[in-house]
Amino acid sequence: MNITATILSDKIREIHPALDRHGIALHVSFDDGKDAWIIRLRKNGNELWTHINAADAARCLDGIECVHLGVQVGQFINYYCDGPVAACAA
């Protein structure tokens, strides 16, 4: 599968629909030097950068495993939207 930022972004949004519900900005880009996809989440000045290597991204998109990506993005949502920061509150 030829992975693009759009395809990976769509998968992330599928795994975590709370991103759109809370208005969390998502930016995905590929870093050739790291052979990894860089995922950036932003909400009200709070930001998380994480990455998923190309092989893990391919496995995720093939429906095999998305644990790393799911956990990292989920932690941002839990902390900044549902937890002590509550940056996603209306």
PDB file of N, CA and C in Angstrom:
ATOM      1  N   MET A   1       0.835  -1.183   0.000  1.00  0.00           N
ATOM      2  CA  MET A   1       0.000   0.000   0.000  1.00  0.00           C
ATOM      3  C   MET A   1       0.876   1.242   0.000  1.00  0.00           C
ATOM      4  N   ASN A   2       0.536   2.184  -0.846  1.00  0.00           N
ATOM      5  CA  ASN A   2       1.232   3.456  -0.885  1.00  0.00           C
ATOM      6  C   ASN A   2       0.582   4.383   0.141  1.00  0.00           C
ATOM      7  N   ILE A   3       1.290   4.659   1.206  1.00  0.00           N
ATOM      8  CA  ILE A   3       0.752   5.469   2.294  1.00  0.00           C
ATOM      9  C   ILE A   3       0.957   6.941   1.978  1.00  0.00           C
ATOM     10  N   THR A   4      -0.082   7.719   2.220  1.00  0.00           N
ATOM     11  CA  THR A   4       0.011   9.172   2.097  1.00  0.00           C
ATOM     12  C   THR A   4      -0.422   9.783   3.422  1.00  0.00           C
ATOM     13  N   ALA A   5      -0.103  11.056   3.599  1.00  0.00           N
ATOM     14  CA  ALA A   5      -0.514  11.758   4.816  1.00  0.00           C
ATOM     15  C   ALA A   5      -2.037  11.754   4.951  1.00  0.00           C
ATOM     16  N   THR A   6      -2.742  11.888   3.853  1.00  0.00           N
ATOM     17  CA  THR A   6      -4.206  11.899   3.890  1.00  0.00           C
ATOM     18  C   THR A   6      -4.754  10.553   4.329  1.00  0.00           C
ATOM     19  N   ILE A   7      -4.216   9.476   3.787  1.00  0.00           N
ATOM     20  CA  ILE A   7      -4.671   8.134   4.159  1.00  0.00           C
ATOM     21  C   ILE A   7      -4.418   7.877   5.643  1.00  0.00           C
ATOM     22  N   LEU A   8      -3.237   8.233   6.130  1.00  0.00           N
ATOM     23  CA  LEU A   8      -2.920   8.018   7.529  1.00  0.00           C
ATOM     24  C   LEU A   8      -3.766   8.925   8.424  1.00  0.00           C
ATOM     25  N   SER A   9      -3.973  10.158   8.021  1.00  0.00           N
ATOM     26  CA  SER A   9      -4.841  11.072   8.777  1.00  0.00           C
ATOM     27  C   SER A   9      -6.251  10.516   8.888  1.00  0.00           C
ATOM     28  N   ASP A  10      -6.767  10.000   7.790  1.00  0.00           N
ATOM     29  CA  ASP A  10      -8.109   9.421   7.806  1.00  0.00           C
ATOM     30  C   ASP A  10      -8.187   8.243   8.770  1.00  0.00           C
ATOM     31  N   LYS A  11      -7.155   7.417   8.819  1.00  0.00           N
ATOM     32  CA  LYS A  11      -7.133   6.277   9.730  1.00  0.00           C
ATOM     33  C   LYS A  11      -7.096   6.747  11.178  1.00  0.00           C
ATOM     34  N   ILE A  12      -6.296   7.761  11.454  1.00  0.00           N
ATOM     35  CA  ILE A  12      -6.212   8.298  12.810  1.00  0.00           C
ATOM     36  C   ILE A  12      -7.568   8.835  13.236  1.00  0.00           C
ATOM     37  N   ARG A  13      -8.235   9.554  12.339  1.00  0.00           N
ATOM     38  CA  ARG A  13      -9.568  10.094  12.650  1.00  0.00           C
ATOM     39  C   ARG A  13     -10.597   8.974  12.834  1.00  0.00           C
ATOM     40  N   GLU A  14     -10.429   7.885  12.099  1.00  0.00           N
ATOM     41  CA  GLU A  14     -11.318   6.734  12.255  1.00  0.00           C
ATOM     42  C   GLU A  14     -11.133   6.101  13.634  1.00  0.00           C
ATOM     43  N   ILE A  15      -9.887   5.958  14.066  1.00  0.00           N
ATOM     44  CA  ILE A  15      -9.581   5.366  15.368  1.00  0.00           C
ATOM     45  C   ILE A  15     -10.045   6.288  16.499  1.00  0.00           C
ATOM     46  N   HIS A  16      -9.882   7.594  16.297  1.00  0.00           N
ATOM     47  CA  HIS A  16     -10.172   8.588  17.337  1.00  0.00           C
ATOM     48  C   HIS A  16     -11.131   9.666  16.818  1.00  0.00           C
ATOM     49  N   PRO A  17     -12.420   9.370  16.716  1.00  0.00           N
ATOM     50  CA  PRO A  17     -13.369  10.379  16.248  1.00  0.00           C
ATOM     51  C   PRO A  17     -13.462  11.590  17.180  1.00  0.00           C
ATOM     52  N   ALA A  18     -12.955  11.470  18.406  1.00  0.00           N
ATOM     53  CA  ALA A  18     -12.964  12.598  19.338  1.00  0.00           C
ATOM     54  C   ALA A  18     -12.107  13.756  18.828  1.00  0.00           C
ATOM     55  N   LEU A  19     -11.159  13.482  17.932  1.00  0.00           N
ATOM     56  CA  LEU A  19     -10.347  14.574  17.369  1.00  0.00           C
ATOM     57  C   LEU A  19     -11.245  15.613  16.720  1.00  0.00           C
ATOM     58  N   ASP A  20     -12.140  15.171  15.873  1.00  0.00           N
ATOM     59  CA  ASP A  20     -13.044  16.106  15.198  1.00  0.00           C
ATOM     60  C   ASP A  20     -14.072  16.672  16.165  1.00  0.00           C
ATOM     61  N   ARG A  21     -14.590  15.833  17.047  1.00  0.00           N
ATOM     62  CA  ARG A  21     -15.610  16.269  17.997  1.00  0.00           C
ATOM     63  C   ARG A  21     -15.087  17.395  18.892  1.00  0.00           C
ATOM     64  N   HIS A  22     -13.803  17.327  19.267  1.00  0.00           N
ATOM     65  CA  HIS A  22     -13.200  18.336  20.135  1.00  0.00           C
ATOM     66  C   HIS A  22     -12.465  19.427  19.363  1.00  0.00           C
ATOM     67  N   GLY A  23     -12.440  19.345  18.045  1.00  0.00           N
ATOM     68  CA  GLY A  23     -11.763  20.365  17.249  1.00  0.00           C
ATOM     69  C   GLY A  23     -10.250  20.350  17.401  1.00  0.00           C
ATOM     70  N   ILE A  24      -9.675  19.167  17.549  1.00  0.00           N
ATOM     71  CA  ILE A  24      -8.222  19.032  17.691  1.00  0.00           C
ATOM     72  C   ILE A  24      -7.599  19.005  16.297  1.00  0.00           C
ATOM     73  N   ALA A  25      -6.649  19.898  16.079  1.00  0.00           N
ATOM     74  CA  ALA A  25      -5.966  19.963  14.790  1.00  0.00           C
ATOM     75  C   ALA A  25      -5.010  18.788  14.654  1.00  0.00           C
ATOM     76  N   LEU A  26      -5.015  18.165  13.491  1.00  0.00           N
ATOM     77  CA  LEU A  26      -4.156  17.017  13.198  1.00  0.00           C
ATOM     78  C   LEU A  26      -3.335  17.331  11.959  1.00  0.00           C
ATOM     79  N   HIS A  27      -2.040  17.131  12.061  1.00  0.00           N
ATOM     80  CA  HIS A  27      -1.151  17.317  10.918  1.00  0.00           C
ATOM     81  C   HIS A  27      -0.247  16.092  10.832  1.00  0.00           C
ATOM     82  N   VAL A  28      -0.169  15.499   9.657  1.00  0.00           N
ATOM     83  CA  VAL A  28       0.656  14.311   9.438  1.00  0.00           C
ATOM     84  C   VAL A  28       1.631  14.594   8.300  1.00  0.00           C
ATOM     85  N   SER A  29       2.901  14.264   8.518  1.00  0.00           N
ATOM     86  CA  SER A  29       3.907  14.435   7.470  1.00  0.00           C
ATOM     87  C   SER A  29       4.940  13.321   7.596  1.00  0.00           C
ATOM     88  N   PHE A  30       5.658  13.071   6.518  1.00  0.00           N
ATOM     89  CA  PHE A  30       6.669  12.019   6.518  1.00  0.00           C
ATOM     90  C   PHE A  30       8.053  12.623   6.668  1.00  0.00           C
ATOM     91  N   ASP A  31       8.863  12.030   7.547  1.00  0.00           N
ATOM     92  CA  ASP A  31      10.244  12.442   7.753  1.00  0.00           C
ATOM     93  C   ASP A  31      11.144  11.375   7.131  1.00  0.00           C
ATOM     94  N   ASP A  32      11.741  11.704   5.983  1.00  0.00           N
ATOM     95  CA  ASP A  32      12.594  10.743   5.277  1.00  0.00           C
ATOM     96  C   ASP A  32      13.777  10.295   6.123  1.00  0.00           C
ATOM     97  N   GLY A  33      14.370  11.205   6.864  1.00  0.00           N
ATOM     98  CA  GLY A  33      15.540  10.878   7.676  1.00  0.00           C
ATOM     99  C   GLY A  33      15.241   9.865   8.766  1.00  0.00           C
ATOM    100  N   LYS A  34      14.039   9.908   9.302  1.00  0.00           N
ATOM    101  CA  LYS A  34      13.638   8.973  10.357  1.00  0.00           C
ATOM    102  C   LYS A  34      12.866   7.787   9.816  1.00  0.00           C
ATOM    103  N   ASP A  35      12.506   7.833   8.541  1.00  0.00           N
ATOM    104  CA  ASP A  35      11.656   6.812   7.929  1.00  0.00           C
ATOM    105  C   ASP A  35      10.414   6.597   8.792  1.00  0.00           C
ATOM    106  N   ALA A  36       9.801   7.736   9.156  1.00  0.00           N
ATOM    107  CA  ALA A  36       8.660   7.692  10.065  1.00  0.00           C
ATOM    108  C   ALA A  36       7.655   8.793   9.720  1.00  0.00           C
ATOM    109  N   TRP A  37       6.413   8.523  10.080  1.00  0.00           N
ATOM    110  CA  TRP A  37       5.351   9.514   9.963  1.00  0.00           C
ATOM    111  C   TRP A  37       5.296  10.314  11.250  1.00  0.00           C
ATOM    112  N   ILE A  38       5.289  11.627  11.125  1.00  0.00           N
ATOM    113  CA  ILE A  38       5.224  12.526  12.274  1.00  0.00           C
ATOM    114  C   ILE A  38       3.777  12.981  12.410  1.00  0.00           C
ATOM    115  N   ILE A  39       3.225  12.808  13.596  1.00  0.00           N
ATOM    116  CA  ILE A  39       1.846  13.189  13.868  1.00  0.00           C
ATOM    117  C   ILE A  39       1.865  14.323  14.877  1.00  0.00           C
ATOM    118  N   ARG A  40       1.190  15.416  14.530  1.00  0.00           N
ATOM    119  CA  ARG A  40       1.148  16.586  15.405  1.00  0.00           C
ATOM    120  C   ARG A  40      -0.306  16.889  15.732  1.00  0.00           C
ATOM    121  N   LEU A  41      -0.614  16.997  17.017  1.00  0.00           N
ATOM    122  CA  LEU A  41      -1.942  17.348  17.486  1.00  0.00           C
ATOM    123  C   LEU A  41      -1.857  18.669  18.228  1.00  0.00           C
ATOM    124  N   ARG A  42      -2.852  19.555  17.988  1.00  0.00           N
ATOM    125  CA  ARG A  42      -2.858  20.862  18.661  1.00  0.00           C
ATOM    126  C   ARG A  42      -4.267  21.217  19.078  1.00  0.00           C
ATOM    127  N   LYS A  43      -4.363  21.800  20.273  1.00  0.00           N
ATOM    128  CA  LYS A  43      -5.632  22.318  20.758  1.00  0.00           C
ATOM    129  C   LYS A  43      -5.336  23.382  21.800  1.00  0.00           C
ATOM    130  N   ASN A  44      -5.784  24.594  21.547  1.00  0.00           N
ATOM    131  CA  ASN A  44      -5.652  25.704  22.507  1.00  0.00           C
ATOM    132  C   ASN A  44      -4.244  25.854  23.064  1.00  0.00           C
ATOM    133  N   GLY A  45      -3.248  25.783  22.212  1.00  0.00           N
ATOM    134  CA  GLY A  45      -1.862  25.946  22.643  1.00  0.00           C
ATOM    135  C   GLY A  45      -1.207  24.696  23.192  1.00  0.00           C
ATOM    136  N   ASN A  46      -1.981  23.652  23.424  1.00  0.00           N
ATOM    137  CA  ASN A  46      -1.421  22.367  23.857  1.00  0.00           C
ATOM    138  C   ASN A  46      -1.059  21.579  22.612  1.00  0.00           C
ATOM    139  N   GLU A  47       0.074  20.903  22.672  1.00  0.00           N
ATOM    140  CA  GLU A  47       0.562  20.233  21.482  1.00  0.00           C
ATOM    141  C   GLU A  47       1.227  18.907  21.825  1.00  0.00           C
ATOM    142  N   LEU A  48       1.042  17.933  20.952  1.00  0.00           N
ATOM    143  CA  LEU A  48       1.718  16.644  21.058  1.00  0.00           C
ATOM    144  C   LEU A  48       2.314  16.325  19.700  1.00  0.00           C
ATOM    145  N   TRP A  49       3.582  15.947  19.717  1.00  0.00           N
ATOM    146  CA  TRP A  49       4.255  15.418  18.537  1.00  0.00           C
ATOM    147  C   TRP A  49       4.571  13.972  18.844  1.00  0.00           C
ATOM    148  N   THR A  50       4.252  13.098  17.941  1.00  0.00           N
ATOM    149  CA  THR A  50       4.636  11.709  18.089  1.00  0.00           C
ATOM    150  C   THR A  50       4.966  11.184  16.701  1.00  0.00           C
ATOM    151  N   HIS A  51       5.414   9.968  16.634  1.00  0.00           N
ATOM    152  CA  HIS A  51       5.742   9.404  15.327  1.00  0.00           C
ATOM    153  C   HIS A  51       5.367   7.935  15.302  1.00  0.00           C
ATOM    154  N   ILE A  52       5.250   7.428  14.100  1.00  0.00           N
ATOM    155  CA  ILE A  52       5.047   6.000  13.875  1.00  0.00           C
ATOM    156  C   ILE A  52       5.945   5.638  12.700  1.00  0.00           C
ATOM    157  N   ASN A  53       6.781   4.620  12.871  1.00  0.00           N
ATOM    158  CA  ASN A  53       7.695   4.296  11.777  1.00  0.00           C
ATOM    159  C   ASN A  53       6.899   3.763  10.590  1.00  0.00           C
ATOM    160  N   ALA A  54       7.503   3.815   9.438  1.00  0.00           N
ATOM    161  CA  ALA A  54       6.801   3.483   8.190  1.00  0.00           C
ATOM    162  C   ALA A  54       6.231   2.070   8.220  1.00  0.00           C
ATOM    163  N   ALA A  55       6.983   1.112   8.762  1.00  0.00           N
ATOM    164  CA  ALA A  55       6.507  -0.274   8.809  1.00  0.00           C
ATOM    165  C   ALA A  55       5.290  -0.406   9.720  1.00  0.00           C
ATOM    166  N   ASP A  56       5.307   0.263  10.874  1.00  0.00           N
ATOM    167  CA  ASP A  56       4.163   0.223  11.788  1.00  0.00           C
ATOM    168  C   ASP A  56       2.941   0.899  11.171  1.00  0.00           C
ATOM    169  N   ALA A  57       3.162   1.987  10.447  1.00  0.00           N
ATOM    170  CA  ALA A  57       2.051   2.662   9.774  1.00  0.00           C
ATOM    171  C   ALA A  57       1.417   1.737   8.742  1.00  0.00           C
ATOM    172  N   ALA A  58       2.245   1.018   8.001  1.00  0.00           N
ATOM    173  CA  ALA A  58       1.721   0.080   7.001  1.00  0.00           C
ATOM    174  C   ALA A  58       0.901  -1.020   7.668  1.00  0.00           C
ATOM    175  N   ARG A  59       1.400  -1.547   8.784  1.00  0.00           N
ATOM    176  CA  ARG A  59       0.647  -2.580   9.506  1.00  0.00           C
ATOM    177  C   ARG A  59      -0.676  -2.029  10.018  1.00  0.00           C
ATOM    178  N   CYS A  60      -0.657  -0.809  10.498  1.00  0.00           N
ATOM    179  CA  CYS A  60      -1.877  -0.173  10.990  1.00  0.00           C
ATOM    180  C   CYS A  60      -2.901  -0.047   9.863  1.00  0.00           C
ATOM    181  N   LEU A  61      -2.472   0.449   8.734  1.00  0.00           N
ATOM    182  CA  LEU A  61      -3.389   0.644   7.610  1.00  0.00           C
ATOM    183  C   LEU A  61      -3.859  -0.667   7.007  1.00  0.00           C
ATOM    184  N   ASP A  62      -3.081  -1.724   7.206  1.00  0.00           N
ATOM    185  CA  ASP A  62      -3.501  -3.051   6.745  1.00  0.00           C
ATOM    186  C   ASP A  62      -4.415  -3.734   7.757  1.00  0.00           C
ATOM    187  N   GLY A  63      -4.722  -3.043   8.854  1.00  0.00           N
ATOM    188  CA  GLY A  63      -5.628  -3.584   9.859  1.00  0.00           C
ATOM    189  C   GLY A  63      -4.994  -4.599  10.783  1.00  0.00           C
ATOM    190  N   ILE A  64      -3.670  -4.626  10.845  1.00  0.00           N
ATOM    191  CA  ILE A  64      -2.976  -5.615  11.668  1.00  0.00           C
ATOM    192  C   ILE A  64      -2.778  -5.118  13.096  1.00  0.00           C
ATOM    193  N   GLU A  65      -2.245  -3.903  13.240  1.00  0.00           N
ATOM    194  CA  GLU A  65      -1.957  -3.383  14.573  1.00  0.00           C
ATOM    195  C   GLU A  65      -1.801  -1.875  14.531  1.00  0.00           C
ATOM    196  N   CYS A  66      -2.505  -1.187  15.438  1.00  0.00           N
ATOM    197  CA  CYS A  66      -2.396   0.270  15.547  1.00  0.00           C
ATOM    198  C   CYS A  66      -2.181   0.689  16.995  1.00  0.00           C
ATOM    199  N   VAL A  67      -1.565  -0.161  17.781  1.00  0.00           N
ATOM    200  CA  VAL A  67      -1.453   0.084  19.212  1.00  0.00           C
ATOM    201  C   VAL A  67      -0.693   1.367  19.520  1.00  0.00           C
ATOM    202  N   HIS A  68       0.510   1.520  18.994  1.00  0.00           N
ATOM    203  CA  HIS A  68       1.337   2.692  19.325  1.00  0.00           C
ATOM    204  C   HIS A  68       0.604   3.982  18.984  1.00  0.00           C
ATOM    205  N   LEU A  69       0.116   4.052  17.793  1.00  0.00           N
ATOM    206  CA  LEU A  69      -0.570   5.262  17.346  1.00  0.00           C
ATOM    207  C   LEU A  69      -1.834   5.504  18.156  1.00  0.00           C
ATOM    208  N   GLY A  70      -2.584   4.472  18.399  1.00  0.00           N
ATOM    209  CA  GLY A  70      -3.814   4.615  19.166  1.00  0.00           C
ATOM    210  C   GLY A  70      -3.568   5.106  20.576  1.00  0.00           C
ATOM    211  N   VAL A  71      -2.535   4.589  21.213  1.00  0.00           N
ATOM    212  CA  VAL A  71      -2.228   4.975  22.587  1.00  0.00           C
ATOM    213  C   VAL A  71      -1.763   6.426  22.650  1.00  0.00           C
ATOM    214  N   GLN A  72      -0.846   6.817  21.794  1.00  0.00           N
ATOM    215  CA  GLN A  72      -0.310   8.178  21.831  1.00  0.00           C
ATOM    216  C   GLN A  72      -1.407   9.223  21.617  1.00  0.00           C
ATOM    217  N   VAL A  73      -2.205   9.034  20.592  1.00  0.00           N
ATOM    218  CA  VAL A  73      -3.270   9.998  20.296  1.00  0.00           C
ATOM    219  C   VAL A  73      -4.314   9.962  21.405  1.00  0.00           C
ATOM    220  N   GLY A  74      -4.652   8.776  21.875  1.00  0.00           N
ATOM    221  CA  GLY A  74      -5.624   8.641  22.952  1.00  0.00           C
ATOM    222  C   GLY A  74      -5.191   9.338  24.226  1.00  0.00           C
ATOM    223  N   GLN A  75      -3.899   9.288  24.541  1.00  0.00           N
ATOM    224  CA  GLN A  75      -3.402   9.962  25.732  1.00  0.00           C
ATOM    225  C   GLN A  75      -3.580  11.468  25.624  1.00  0.00           C
ATOM    226  N   PHE A  76      -3.346  12.041  24.455  1.00  0.00           N
ATOM    227  CA  PHE A  76      -3.543  13.474  24.268  1.00  0.00           C
ATOM    228  C   PHE A  76      -5.008  13.826  24.517  1.00  0.00           C
ATOM    229  N   ILE A  77      -5.899  13.078  23.896  1.00  0.00           N
ATOM    230  CA  ILE A  77      -7.328  13.339  24.056  1.00  0.00           C
ATOM    231  C   ILE A  77      -7.727  13.207  25.528  1.00  0.00           C
ATOM    232  N   ASN A  78      -7.304  12.134  26.164  1.00  0.00           N
ATOM    233  CA  ASN A  78      -7.664  11.918  27.564  1.00  0.00           C
ATOM    234  C   ASN A  78      -7.141  13.020  28.471  1.00  0.00           C
ATOM    235  N   TYR A  79      -5.922  13.450  28.256  1.00  0.00           N
ATOM    236  CA  TYR A  79      -5.326  14.450  29.134  1.00  0.00           C
ATOM    237  C   TYR A  79      -5.875  15.853  28.860  1.00  0.00           C
ATOM    238  N   TYR A  80      -5.850  16.250  27.602  1.00  0.00           N
ATOM    239  CA  TYR A  80      -6.215  17.625  27.271  1.00  0.00           C
ATOM    240  C   TYR A  80      -7.710  17.860  27.108  1.00  0.00           C
ATOM    241  N   CYS A  81      -8.468  16.815  26.864  1.00  0.00           N
ATOM    242  CA  CYS A  81      -9.901  17.010  26.656  1.00  0.00           C
ATOM    243  C   CYS A  81     -10.746  16.465  27.796  1.00  0.00           C
ATOM    244  N   ASP A  82     -10.362  15.345  28.338  1.00  0.00           N
ATOM    245  CA  ASP A  82     -11.173  14.710  29.365  1.00  0.00           C
ATOM    246  C   ASP A  82     -10.558  14.811  30.747  1.00  0.00           C
ATOM    247  N   GLY A  83      -9.289  15.190  30.819  1.00  0.00           N
ATOM    248  CA  GLY A  83      -8.579  15.172  32.085  1.00  0.00           C
ATOM    249  C   GLY A  83      -8.385  16.546  32.698  1.00  0.00           C
ATOM    250  N   PRO A  84      -7.263  16.719  33.405  1.00  0.00           N
ATOM    251  CA  PRO A  84      -7.049  17.922  34.217  1.00  0.00           C
ATOM    252  C   PRO A  84      -6.930  19.234  33.445  1.00  0.00           C
ATOM    253  N   VAL A  85      -6.502  19.179  32.202  1.00  0.00           N
ATOM    254  CA  VAL A  85      -6.336  20.437  31.460  1.00  0.00           C
ATOM    255  C   VAL A  85      -7.680  20.927  30.934  1.00  0.00           C
ATOM    256  N   ALA A  86      -8.520  20.016  30.472  1.00  0.00           N
ATOM    257  CA  ALA A  86      -9.860  20.329  29.956  1.00  0.00           C
ATOM    258  C   ALA A  86      -9.822  21.431  28.890  1.00  0.00           C
ATOM    259  N   ALA A  87      -8.812  21.396  28.037  1.00  0.00           N
ATOM    260  CA  ALA A  87      -8.665  22.403  26.988  1.00  0.00           C
ATOM    261  C   ALA A  87      -9.732  22.266  25.905  1.00  0.00           C
ATOM    262  N   CYS A  88     -10.427  21.171  25.876  1.00  0.00           N
ATOM    263  CA  CYS A  88     -11.429  20.939  24.836  1.00  0.00           C
ATOM    264  C   CYS A  88     -12.823  21.338  25.280  1.00  0.00           C
ATOM    265  N   ALA A  89     -12.954  21.811  26.501  1.00  0.00           N
ATOM    266  CA  ALA A  89     -14.268  22.206  26.998  1.00  0.00           C
ATOM    267  C   ALA A  89     -14.804  23.373  26.179  1.00  0.00           C
ATOM    268  N   ALA A  90     -16.090  23.404  26.065  1.00  0.00           N
ATOM    269  CA  ALA A  90     -16.733  24.463  25.270  1.00  0.00           C
ATOM    270  C   ALA A  90     -16.556  25.807  25.918  1.00  0.00           C
TER     271      ALA A  90
END
